[in-house]
Amino acid sequence: MLRLRQEESRQISRVDLLLPPEVLELPEDLAKLDAWLDDERFFTPFRNKYHRCLGRPSVPAESYLRMVALKHQYGLSDRHLCALVNDRISWRQI
């Protein structure tokens, strides 16, 4: 089953709310990438390939695109990317 976007808003924990706002802000290059990846044209290949109702729910295409973009921008392995996203609060917001 196709999911293009996350149903719930991007979650911020209560601990994250106590942090200074600068910590939650994306660096300039990642903010541009985030805005660029918000374009609906990137979701077209997913719409054509996956069924909207049948099967298990997929990882939201929005999350997948952002993770792959980070992976290729910084030349990371899958394991290293997941570790960095868990470690960096601002990357979790992408």
Foldseek 3Di string as FASTA:
>chain_A
DAAADDPDAQDDDPVNVPDDVVLQADPPVLVVVLVVLVDPVVCVVVVVPDDPPDDDYDDHNSVVVLLVVVCVVVVHDPVVSVVVCVVRNNSSND
